[in-house]
Protein backbone atom coordinates (compact mmCIF):
# COMPACT_ATOMS: atom_id res chain seq x y z
CA UNK A 1 3.31 38.16 -8.06
CA UNK A 2 1.05 35.96 -5.98
CA UNK A 3 2.25 33.92 -3.02
CA UNK A 4 0.41 30.87 -4.48
CA UNK A 5 2.34 31.01 -7.76
CA UNK A 6 5.70 30.89 -6.02
CA UNK A 7 5.21 27.20 -5.06
CA UNK A 8 6.57 24.91 -7.77
CA UNK A 9 4.77 21.61 -8.19
CA UNK A 10 7.18 18.69 -8.52
CA UNK A 11 6.78 16.47 -11.62
CA UNK A 12 4.55 13.45 -11.11
CA UNK A 13 6.31 10.06 -10.82
CA UNK A 14 4.58 8.06 -13.57
CA UNK A 15 6.77 5.04 -12.75
CA UNK A 16 5.22 4.57 -9.30
CA UNK A 17 8.68 3.40 -8.21
CA UNK A 18 9.54 2.71 -4.59
CA UNK A 19 12.15 0.84 -2.56
CA UNK A 20 9.70 -1.65 -1.00
CA UNK A 21 10.92 -5.25 -1.51
CA UNK A 22 8.11 -7.05 0.30
CA UNK A 23 7.42 -8.32 3.78
CA UNK A 24 8.39 -11.71 5.18
CA UNK A 25 6.42 -13.06 8.11
CA UNK A 26 5.72 -16.34 9.83
CA UNK A 27 2.06 -17.31 10.28
CA UNK A 28 2.93 -19.55 13.25
CA UNK A 29 4.84 -17.01 15.34
CA UNK A 30 5.01 -13.25 14.98
CA UNK A 31 8.40 -13.14 16.74
CA UNK A 32 10.14 -15.71 14.53
CA UNK A 33 10.99 -15.10 10.87
CA UNK A 34 10.56 -18.05 8.50
CA UNK A 35 13.58 -19.75 6.96
CA UNK A 36 14.06 -18.80 3.32
CA UNK A 37 15.89 -21.28 1.11
CA UNK A 38 16.75 -21.37 -2.58
CA UNK A 39 14.71 -23.73 -4.72
CA UNK A 40 15.52 -25.77 -7.77
CA UNK A 41 11.89 -25.66 -8.95
CA UNK A 42 11.53 -23.94 -12.32
CA UNK A 43 8.90 -23.60 -15.05
CA UNK A 44 9.18 -26.64 -17.33
CA UNK A 45 9.91 -24.89 -20.63
CA UNK A 46 10.00 -28.16 -22.59
CA UNK A 47 6.48 -28.95 -21.45
CA UNK A 48 5.32 -25.52 -22.63
CA UNK A 49 6.86 -26.20 -26.07
CA UNK A 50 4.82 -29.40 -26.57
CA UNK A 51 2.09 -29.16 -29.21
CA UNK A 52 -1.24 -29.67 -27.48
CA UNK A 53 -4.70 -28.57 -28.51
CA UNK A 54 -5.60 -25.30 -26.80
CA UNK A 55 -9.04 -25.72 -25.28
CA UNK A 56 -9.34 -22.10 -24.15
CA UNK A 57 -7.27 -18.94 -24.59
CA UNK A 58 -7.95 -15.46 -23.26
CA UNK A 59 -5.90 -12.26 -23.16
CA UNK A 60 -7.58 -10.04 -20.59
CA UNK A 61 -6.54 -6.42 -20.04
CA UNK A 62 -6.98 -5.61 -16.35
CA UNK A 63 -5.67 -2.06 -16.47
CA UNK A 64 -4.54 0.34 -19.18
CA UNK A 65 -3.72 4.04 -19.03
CA UNK A 66 -2.00 6.45 -21.41
CA UNK A 67 -0.50 8.44 -18.52
CA UNK A 68 -1.91 11.73 -19.79
CA UNK A 69 0.00 11.33 -23.08
CA UNK A 70 3.30 10.74 -21.27
CA UNK A 71 3.53 7.00 -22.06
CA UNK A 72 1.52 3.87 -21.32
CA UNK A 73 0.88 1.56 -18.38
CA UNK A 74 -0.80 -1.80 -19.00
CA UNK A 75 -1.55 -4.84 -16.84
CA UNK A 76 -2.85 -7.92 -18.60
CA UNK A 77 -3.33 -11.64 -17.98
CA UNK A 78 -3.01 -14.37 -20.60
CA UNK A 79 -4.61 -17.74 -19.88
CA UNK A 80 -4.06 -20.88 -21.95
CA UNK A 81 -5.87 -24.13 -21.07
CA UNK A 82 -4.69 -27.46 -22.53
CA UNK A 83 -5.72 -31.06 -21.74
CA UNK A 84 -2.67 -31.50 -19.47
CA UNK A 85 -3.10 -28.27 -17.50
CA UNK A 86 -3.12 -24.50 -17.80
CA UNK A 87 -0.61 -21.67 -18.13
CA UNK A 88 -1.21 -18.20 -16.73
CA UNK A 89 0.98 -15.16 -17.41
CA UNK A 90 0.47 -11.78 -15.79
CA UNK A 91 2.43 -8.92 -17.32
CA UNK A 92 2.81 -5.29 -16.30
CA UNK A 93 4.20 -3.05 -19.05
CA UNK A 94 5.22 0.54 -18.35
CA UNK A 95 6.68 3.06 -20.77
CA UNK A 96 7.23 6.65 -19.73
CA UNK A 97 8.29 8.80 -22.69
CA UNK A 98 12.00 9.70 -22.59
CA UNK A 99 12.32 8.21 -19.06
CA UNK A 100 12.08 4.42 -18.92
CA UNK A 101 10.49 1.18 -20.11
CA UNK A 102 9.72 -1.67 -17.70
CA UNK A 103 8.16 -5.13 -18.01
CA UNK A 104 7.29 -7.29 -15.00
CA UNK A 105 6.11 -10.87 -15.68
């Protein structure tokens, strides 16, 4: 019967989803957009499959939350150092119960 109870709070968006796709700008001229071209550069999967001694490995959790018992959000980084170089993987995992699951590498 109170005027304050008549306002319904919308459910919280645990997915933090938005339509933003990024911003493209040119550092040389604000008025001119840079040229974007496709590339043939890819991660060399065969090189990653080679057996090399791992000099250092770390799986570091940067962020983790249980979303108030509505799922889980986790951001972690895995680092592997070998004699020929290093490999770094950042992964964001999101699961919202009965809504969605998302992984961004």
